Amino acid sequence: MVAASPTHSVILGIDPSLRGTGYGVIRIENRKAKAVDHGTVRCPAGWSRSRCLAEIARTVGSRIAALHPTACVLEGLFYAQNLQTALIMGEARGASLVAAAEAGLEIFEIAPRKVKQAIVGYGAAQKLAVAKMVQRMLDLPSLPDADAADALALALAYSQTLSRYSFDSVKRI
């Protein structure tokens, strides 16, 4: 584990998935997080995996170029019961990682349970609870979709590690 650099004020969170990769960018100003941008890279079921991976990398790369984050936080690996699902998720994660690495961002990962614990206070929280808390924490006018909410939650959880009072650290990759 490596302690997070306190210099990051624009943070990109990514919740990777082949058909719906969520992204969210927050800016930290005066110790307060503000949402800058969020959304979901949607890939129709008829698209090939390679086309989806290219779309994920292209979209994430374009958001990085437009918003200039200095840190990227991805959901850490989890254990899937289905090996095929795990491989596909890894590919989507890889497409996002390439875009972030090519842009020179510092890249970190946080386990899904730690994100839920940091945002909701319960490591097994439901997606809706995470989305509602993200909406509240960022003062968003409407509930973000589930994938974007998870990405924003990743960025928020990472921002909490920047506090000098944080007892948790994140894994740098």
C-alpha atoms as a PDB file:
ATOM      1  CA  MET A   1       0.000   0.000   0.000  1.00  0.00           C
ATOM      2  CA  VAL A   2       1.207   3.471  -0.914  1.00  0.00           C
ATOM      3  CA  ALA A   3      -0.156   6.617   0.663  1.00  0.00           C
ATOM      4  CA  ALA A   4      -1.956   8.874  -1.790  1.00  0.00           C
ATOM      5  CA  SER A   5      -0.286  12.041  -2.924  1.00  0.00           C
ATOM      6  CA  PRO A   6      -1.963  15.116  -1.384  1.00  0.00           C
ATOM      7  CA  THR A   7      -1.455  17.070  -4.614  1.00  0.00           C
ATOM      8  CA  HIS A   8      -4.422  15.620  -6.521  1.00  0.00           C
ATOM      9  CA  SER A   9      -7.327  18.017  -6.776  1.00  0.00           C
ATOM     10  CA  VAL A  10      -8.998  16.636  -9.931  1.00  0.00           C
ATOM     11  CA  ILE A  11      -9.753  12.923  -9.614  1.00  0.00           C
ATOM     12  CA  LEU A  12     -11.204  10.506 -12.160  1.00  0.00           C
ATOM     13  CA  GLY A  13     -13.105   7.462 -10.904  1.00  0.00           C
ATOM     14  CA  ILE A  14     -13.807   4.538 -13.238  1.00  0.00           C
ATOM     15  CA  ASP A  15     -16.200   1.638 -12.683  1.00  0.00           C
ATOM     16  CA  PRO A  16     -15.224  -0.722 -15.536  1.00  0.00           C
ATOM     17  CA  SER A  17     -17.649  -2.978 -17.381  1.00  0.00           C
ATOM     18  CA  LEU A  18     -17.824  -4.031 -21.011  1.00  0.00           C
ATOM     19  CA  ARG A  19     -21.367  -2.782 -21.656  1.00  0.00           C
ATOM     20  CA  GLY A  20     -21.487   0.098 -19.161  1.00  0.00           C
ATOM     21  CA  THR A  21     -18.251   1.654 -17.898  1.00  0.00           C
ATOM     22  CA  GLY A  22     -19.024   4.431 -15.453  1.00  0.00           C
ATOM     23  CA  TYR A  23     -16.780   7.456 -15.129  1.00  0.00           C
ATOM     24  CA  GLY A  24     -16.870  10.408 -12.783  1.00  0.00           C
ATOM     25  CA  VAL A  25     -14.586  13.368 -12.240  1.00  0.00           C
ATOM     26  CA  ILE A  26     -14.521  15.426  -9.064  1.00  0.00           C
ATOM     27  CA  ARG A  27     -12.571  18.537  -8.113  1.00  0.00           C
ATOM     28  CA  ILE A  28     -11.481  19.182  -4.535  1.00  0.00           C
ATOM     29  CA  GLU A  29     -11.684  22.849  -3.593  1.00  0.00           C
ATOM     30  CA  ASN A  30     -11.352  24.062  -0.016  1.00  0.00           C
ATOM     31  CA  ARG A  31     -11.706  20.477   1.220  1.00  0.00           C
ATOM     32  CA  LYS A  32     -15.060  20.147  -0.536  1.00  0.00           C
ATOM     33  CA  ALA A  33     -15.697  17.803  -3.448  1.00  0.00           C
ATOM     34  CA  LYS A  34     -17.566  19.088  -6.495  1.00  0.00           C
ATOM     35  CA  ALA A  35     -18.721  16.957  -9.418  1.00  0.00           C
ATOM     36  CA  VAL A  36     -17.148  18.095 -12.693  1.00  0.00           C
ATOM     37  CA  ASP A  37     -18.448  15.418 -15.051  1.00  0.00           C
ATOM     38  CA  HIS A  38     -19.934  11.943 -14.956  1.00  0.00           C
ATOM     39  CA  GLY A  39     -21.523   9.448 -17.279  1.00  0.00           C
ATOM     40  CA  THR A  40     -21.475   5.948 -18.657  1.00  0.00           C
ATOM     41  CA  VAL A  41     -19.792   4.534 -21.739  1.00  0.00           C
ATOM     42  CA  ARG A  42     -22.615   2.416 -23.176  1.00  0.00           C
ATOM     43  CA  CYS A  43     -21.870  -0.330 -25.669  1.00  0.00           C
ATOM     44  CA  PRO A  44     -24.838  -2.113 -27.283  1.00  0.00           C
ATOM     45  CA  ALA A  45     -25.083  -5.893 -27.004  1.00  0.00           C
ATOM     46  CA  GLY A  46     -24.549  -6.202 -30.766  1.00  0.00           C
ATOM     47  CA  TRP A  47     -21.080  -4.658 -30.623  1.00  0.00           C
ATOM     48  CA  SER A  48     -18.028  -6.912 -30.589  1.00  0.00           C
ATOM     49  CA  ARG A  49     -15.842  -6.917 -27.489  1.00  0.00           C
ATOM     50  CA  SER A  50     -13.003  -5.275 -29.406  1.00  0.00           C
ATOM     51  CA  ARG A  51     -15.275  -2.422 -30.507  1.00  0.00           C
ATOM     52  CA  CYS A  52     -16.465  -1.929 -26.917  1.00  0.00           C
ATOM     53  CA  LEU A  53     -12.895  -1.877 -25.593  1.00  0.00           C
ATOM     54  CA  ALA A  54     -11.899   0.700 -28.190  1.00  0.00           C
ATOM     55  CA  GLU A  55     -14.931   2.842 -27.269  1.00  0.00           C
ATOM     56  CA  ILE A  56     -14.094   2.644 -23.561  1.00  0.00           C
ATOM     57  CA  ALA A  57     -10.474   3.672 -24.170  1.00  0.00           C
ATOM     58  CA  ARG A  58     -11.505   6.461 -26.559  1.00  0.00           C
ATOM     59  CA  THR A  59     -14.158   7.914 -24.247  1.00  0.00           C
ATOM     60  CA  VAL A  60     -12.032   7.722 -21.106  1.00  0.00           C
ATOM     61  CA  GLY A  61      -9.126   9.270 -23.016  1.00  0.00           C
ATOM     62  CA  SER A  62     -11.297  12.121 -24.283  1.00  0.00           C
ATOM     63  CA  ARG A  63     -12.636  12.877 -20.778  1.00  0.00           C
ATOM     64  CA  ILE A  64      -9.052  12.912 -19.462  1.00  0.00           C
ATOM     65  CA  ALA A  65      -7.956  15.282 -22.248  1.00  0.00           C
ATOM     66  CA  ALA A  66     -10.891  17.613 -21.599  1.00  0.00           C
ATOM     67  CA  LEU A  67     -10.841  17.664 -17.787  1.00  0.00           C
ATOM     68  CA  HIS A  68      -7.147  17.141 -16.891  1.00  0.00           C
ATOM     69  CA  PRO A  69      -7.381  14.882 -13.835  1.00  0.00           C
ATOM     70  CA  THR A  70      -4.076  13.939 -12.234  1.00  0.00           C
ATOM     71  CA  ALA A  71      -5.261  10.762 -10.498  1.00  0.00           C
ATOM     72  CA  CYS A  72      -7.397   7.850 -11.636  1.00  0.00           C
ATOM     73  CA  VAL A  73      -9.115   5.446  -9.259  1.00  0.00           C
ATOM     74  CA  LEU A  74     -10.513   2.128 -10.454  1.00  0.00           C
ATOM     75  CA  GLU A  75     -12.584  -0.433  -8.696  1.00  0.00           C
ATOM     76  CA  GLY A  76     -10.276  -3.148  -7.424  1.00  0.00           C
ATOM     77  CA  LEU A  77     -10.540  -6.693  -8.637  1.00  0.00           C
ATOM     78  CA  PHE A  78     -13.167  -8.876  -7.086  1.00  0.00           C
ATOM     79  CA  TYR A  79     -13.729 -12.585  -7.269  1.00  0.00           C
ATOM     80  CA  ALA A  80     -16.349 -13.516  -9.846  1.00  0.00           C
ATOM     81  CA  GLN A  81     -17.965 -16.931  -9.797  1.00  0.00           C
ATOM     82  CA  ASN A  82     -17.930 -16.988 -13.598  1.00  0.00           C
ATOM     83  CA  LEU A  83     -14.457 -17.041 -15.125  1.00  0.00           C
ATOM     84  CA  GLN A  84     -15.683 -15.650 -18.472  1.00  0.00           C
ATOM     85  CA  THR A  85     -17.272 -12.661 -16.704  1.00  0.00           C
ATOM     86  CA  ALA A  86     -14.051 -12.017 -14.798  1.00  0.00           C
ATOM     87  CA  LEU A  87     -12.009 -12.068 -18.007  1.00  0.00           C
ATOM     88  CA  ILE A  88     -14.359  -9.651 -19.778  1.00  0.00           C
ATOM     89  CA  MET A  89     -14.347  -7.305 -16.770  1.00  0.00           C
ATOM     90  CA  GLY A  90     -10.548  -7.442 -16.780  1.00  0.00           C
ATOM     91  CA  GLU A  91     -10.499  -6.450 -20.433  1.00  0.00           C
ATOM     92  CA  ALA A  92     -12.733  -3.419 -19.780  1.00  0.00           C
ATOM     93  CA  ARG A  93     -10.538  -2.498 -16.841  1.00  0.00           C
ATOM     94  CA  GLY A  94      -7.468  -2.805 -19.070  1.00  0.00           C
ATOM     95  CA  ALA A  95      -8.942  -0.463 -21.698  1.00  0.00           C
ATOM     96  CA  SER A  96      -9.508   2.159 -18.986  1.00  0.00           C
ATOM     97  CA  LEU A  97      -6.050   1.607 -17.513  1.00  0.00           C
ATOM     98  CA  VAL A  98      -4.378   2.134 -20.889  1.00  0.00           C
ATOM     99  CA  ALA A  99      -6.177   5.461 -21.384  1.00  0.00           C
ATOM    100  CA  ALA A 100      -5.182   6.665 -17.910  1.00  0.00           C
ATOM    101  CA  ALA A 101      -1.593   5.423 -18.194  1.00  0.00           C
ATOM    102  CA  GLU A 102      -1.099   7.005 -21.629  1.00  0.00           C
ATOM    103  CA  ALA A 103      -2.205  10.332 -20.141  1.00  0.00           C
ATOM    104  CA  GLY A 104       0.349  10.006 -17.347  1.00  0.00           C
ATOM    105  CA  LEU A 105      -2.146   9.825 -14.492  1.00  0.00           C
ATOM    106  CA  GLU A 106      -1.269   8.248 -11.166  1.00  0.00           C
ATOM    107  CA  ILE A 107      -3.512   5.185 -10.973  1.00  0.00           C
ATOM    108  CA  PHE A 108      -4.943   3.663  -7.816  1.00  0.00           C
ATOM    109  CA  GLU A 109      -7.458   0.975  -6.971  1.00  0.00           C
ATOM    110  CA  ILE A 110      -9.874   0.560  -4.094  1.00  0.00           C
ATOM    111  CA  ALA A 111     -11.801  -2.603  -3.250  1.00  0.00           C
ATOM    112  CA  PRO A 112     -15.566  -2.355  -3.839  1.00  0.00           C
ATOM    113  CA  ARG A 113     -16.379  -3.054  -0.177  1.00  0.00           C
ATOM    114  CA  LYS A 114     -14.010  -0.284   0.966  1.00  0.00           C
ATOM    115  CA  VAL A 115     -15.692   2.193  -1.368  1.00  0.00           C
ATOM    116  CA  LYS A 116     -19.139   1.315  -0.014  1.00  0.00           C
ATOM    117  CA  GLN A 117     -17.809   1.522   3.546  1.00  0.00           C
ATOM    118  CA  ALA A 118     -16.301   4.962   2.875  1.00  0.00           C
ATOM    119  CA  ILE A 119     -19.405   6.375   1.168  1.00  0.00           C
ATOM    120  CA  VAL A 120     -22.363   4.670   2.855  1.00  0.00           C
ATOM    121  CA  GLY A 121     -20.770   3.333   6.024  1.00  0.00           C
ATOM    122  CA  TYR A 122     -21.654  -0.267   5.155  1.00  0.00           C
ATOM    123  CA  GLY A 123     -19.460  -2.492   2.997  1.00  0.00           C
ATOM    124  CA  ALA A 124     -22.358  -4.486   1.546  1.00  0.00           C
ATOM    125  CA  ALA A 125     -24.521  -1.478   0.644  1.00  0.00           C
ATOM    126  CA  GLN A 126     -26.810  -1.697  -2.378  1.00  0.00           C
ATOM    127  CA  LYS A 127     -26.110   0.311  -5.563  1.00  0.00           C
ATOM    128  CA  LEU A 128     -29.101   2.592  -4.909  1.00  0.00           C
ATOM    129  CA  ALA A 129     -27.776   3.517  -1.458  1.00  0.00           C
ATOM    130  CA  VAL A 130     -24.393   4.395  -2.980  1.00  0.00           C
ATOM    131  CA  ALA A 131     -26.039   6.506  -5.701  1.00  0.00           C
ATOM    132  CA  LYS A 132     -28.198   8.397  -3.169  1.00  0.00           C
ATOM    133  CA  MET A 133     -25.225   9.124  -0.919  1.00  0.00           C
ATOM    134  CA  VAL A 134     -23.113  10.279  -3.879  1.00  0.00           C
ATOM    135  CA  GLN A 135     -25.951  12.592  -4.933  1.00  0.00           C
ATOM    136  CA  ARG A 136     -26.090  14.009  -1.415  1.00  0.00           C
ATOM    137  CA  MET A 137     -22.317  14.362  -0.967  1.00  0.00           C
ATOM    138  CA  LEU A 138     -21.865  16.136  -4.308  1.00  0.00           C
ATOM    139  CA  ASP A 139     -25.127  18.099  -4.127  1.00  0.00           C
ATOM    140  CA  LEU A 140     -26.231  16.754  -7.512  1.00  0.00           C
ATOM    141  CA  PRO A 141     -29.658  17.858  -8.778  1.00  0.00           C
ATOM    142  CA  SER A 142     -30.612  14.308  -9.781  1.00  0.00           C
ATOM    143  CA  LEU A 143     -29.579  10.774  -9.007  1.00  0.00           C
ATOM    144  CA  PRO A 144     -26.657   9.700 -11.225  1.00  0.00           C
ATOM    145  CA  ASP A 145     -27.058   6.389 -13.035  1.00  0.00           C
ATOM    146  CA  ALA A 146     -25.640   3.416 -11.148  1.00  0.00           C
ATOM    147  CA  ASP A 147     -22.364   3.057 -13.070  1.00  0.00           C
ATOM    148  CA  ALA A 148     -21.568   6.778 -12.946  1.00  0.00           C
ATOM    149  CA  ALA A 149     -22.510   6.867  -9.255  1.00  0.00           C
ATOM    150  CA  ASP A 150     -20.070   4.038  -8.540  1.00  0.00           C
ATOM    151  CA  ALA A 151     -17.338   5.909 -10.425  1.00  0.00           C
ATOM    152  CA  LEU A 152     -18.026   9.102  -8.477  1.00  0.00           C
ATOM    153  CA  ALA A 153     -18.011   7.051  -5.263  1.00  0.00           C
ATOM    154  CA  LEU A 154     -14.547   5.752  -6.162  1.00  0.00           C
ATOM    155  CA  ALA A 155     -13.273   9.300  -6.655  1.00  0.00           C
ATOM    156  CA  LEU A 156     -14.863  10.416  -3.380  1.00  0.00           C
ATOM    157  CA  ALA A 157     -13.436   7.447  -1.460  1.00  0.00           C
ATOM    158  CA  TYR A 158      -9.999   8.235  -2.850  1.00  0.00           C
ATOM    159  CA  SER A 159     -10.355  11.902  -1.900  1.00  0.00           C
ATOM    160  CA  GLN A 160     -10.959  10.807   1.687  1.00  0.00           C
ATOM    161  CA  THR A 161      -7.533   9.151   1.700  1.00  0.00           C
ATOM    162  CA  LEU A 162      -5.973  12.551   0.945  1.00  0.00           C
ATOM    163  CA  SER A 163      -6.966  13.774   4.400  1.00  0.00           C
ATOM    164  CA  ARG A 164      -4.062  13.930   6.776  1.00  0.00           C
ATOM    165  CA  TYR A 165      -6.330  12.173   9.292  1.00  0.00           C
ATOM    166  CA  SER A 166      -7.033   9.209   7.032  1.00  0.00           C
ATOM    167  CA  PHE A 167      -6.181   5.808   8.480  1.00  0.00           C
ATOM    168  CA  ASP A 168      -6.678   4.037   5.181  1.00  0.00           C
ATOM    169  CA  SER A 169      -4.444   3.909   2.176  1.00  0.00           C
ATOM    170  CA  VAL A 170      -5.078   2.888  -1.396  1.00  0.00           C
ATOM    171  CA  LYS A 171      -3.176   0.555  -3.668  1.00  0.00           C
ATOM    172  CA  ARG A 172      -1.204   2.240  -6.413  1.00  0.00           C
ATOM    173  CA  ILE A 173      -1.046   0.347  -9.708  1.00  0.00           C
END
